Protein backbone atom coordinates (compact mmCIF):
# COMPACT_ATOMS: atom_id res chain seq x y z
CA MET A 1 67.34 124.37 -43.83
CA PHE A 2 67.26 128.05 -42.79
CA GLN A 3 65.45 130.43 -45.11
CA PRO A 4 65.11 134.17 -44.24
CA GLY A 5 61.44 134.89 -43.57
CA ALA A 6 60.64 131.22 -42.88
CA LEU A 7 59.51 129.89 -39.52
CA ASP A 8 59.35 126.17 -38.62
CA ALA A 9 56.89 125.14 -35.83
CA VAL A 10 58.24 122.54 -33.43
CA GLU A 11 54.93 122.54 -31.54
CA ASP A 12 51.42 123.85 -32.24
CA GLN A 13 51.36 127.63 -32.26
CA VAL A 14 48.81 130.44 -32.53
CA LEU A 15 50.28 133.51 -34.16
CA SER A 16 49.48 136.58 -36.16
CA VAL A 17 51.50 138.45 -38.78
CA THR A 18 51.05 142.11 -39.57
CA ARG A 19 53.16 143.25 -42.45
CA ALA A 20 53.84 145.10 -45.59
CA PRO A 21 51.52 143.53 -48.20
CA ALA A 22 53.08 140.16 -48.96
CA PRO A 23 51.85 136.59 -49.38
CA LEU A 24 52.05 134.16 -46.52
CA PHE A 25 52.27 130.44 -47.23
CA VAL A 26 52.12 127.46 -44.84
CA THR A 27 53.72 124.18 -45.97
CA ASP A 28 52.89 121.01 -44.05
CA MET A 29 55.13 117.98 -43.55
CA ASN A 30 53.70 116.26 -46.64
CA GLY A 31 54.53 119.19 -48.91
CA GLY A 32 50.93 120.50 -49.00
CA ARG A 33 50.74 124.26 -49.24
CA ARG A 34 48.04 126.75 -48.25
CA PHE A 35 47.78 130.49 -48.54
CA GLN A 36 47.36 132.21 -45.16
CA VAL A 37 45.74 135.55 -44.61
CA GLY A 38 47.61 137.85 -42.23
CA GLU A 39 46.31 140.45 -39.82
CA SER A 40 44.38 137.94 -37.76
CA PRO A 41 45.34 134.96 -35.54
CA PHE A 42 45.87 131.55 -37.17
CA SER A 43 47.33 128.17 -36.24
CA LEU A 44 50.73 126.88 -37.26
CA LEU A 45 50.89 123.20 -36.32
CA ALA A 46 53.96 121.19 -35.35
CA GLY A 47 55.99 120.43 -38.43
CA GLU A 48 54.53 123.15 -40.58
CA ARG A 49 56.61 126.01 -42.07
CA LEU A 50 55.44 129.59 -42.46
CA LYS A 51 57.07 131.41 -45.37
CA LEU A 52 56.67 135.17 -45.96
CA GLY A 53 56.77 136.14 -49.60
CA GLN A 54 58.25 139.24 -51.23
CA PRO A 55 56.28 142.36 -50.25
CA ALA A 56 54.70 144.46 -53.03
CA SER A 57 55.58 147.60 -51.02
CA GLY A 58 57.17 148.29 -47.67
CA PHE A 59 59.57 145.92 -45.97
CA ARG A 60 58.70 145.26 -42.30
CA SER A 61 56.78 142.31 -40.97
CA TYR A 62 55.88 141.64 -37.32
CA ARG A 63 55.06 138.20 -35.93
CA ALA A 64 53.23 137.83 -32.65
CA PHE A 65 53.02 134.51 -30.81
CA ARG A 66 50.52 133.54 -28.14
CA GLY A 67 52.57 133.02 -24.99
CA GLY A 68 55.70 134.54 -26.53
CA LEU A 69 58.94 132.85 -27.52
CA SER A 70 61.83 131.40 -25.57
CA LEU A 71 65.08 132.29 -27.39
CA PRO A 72 68.70 132.19 -26.34
CA GLN A 73 70.15 135.52 -25.25
CA VAL A 74 73.17 136.65 -27.31
CA PHE A 75 74.99 139.84 -26.36
CA PHE A 76 72.12 140.81 -23.99
CA SER A 77 69.51 140.58 -26.74
CA ARG A 78 67.02 138.03 -28.07
CA SER A 79 66.58 139.71 -31.44
CA ILE A 80 68.01 138.28 -34.68
CA ASP A 81 70.04 140.24 -37.23
CA LEU A 82 69.73 138.57 -40.64
CA LEU A 83 71.85 141.13 -42.50
CA SER A 84 75.18 140.85 -40.62
């Protein structure tokens, strides 16, 4: 199920999130949940979901992935517009 601000790992990842102050939660395949601190690299294992909570202030979040991402190109862009 797609949720804005959620990211499902299909393989083990190392990533970092820098953002407006907001909670980050990782949910595993068994429903276990842990709070994740941003601003430093962390592991997101295959089958886990990263969810960004509502920011207390500001609105932009940036996710960086070791090795980058391979996404399909649509209209000459690999970015995603969630508002259209």
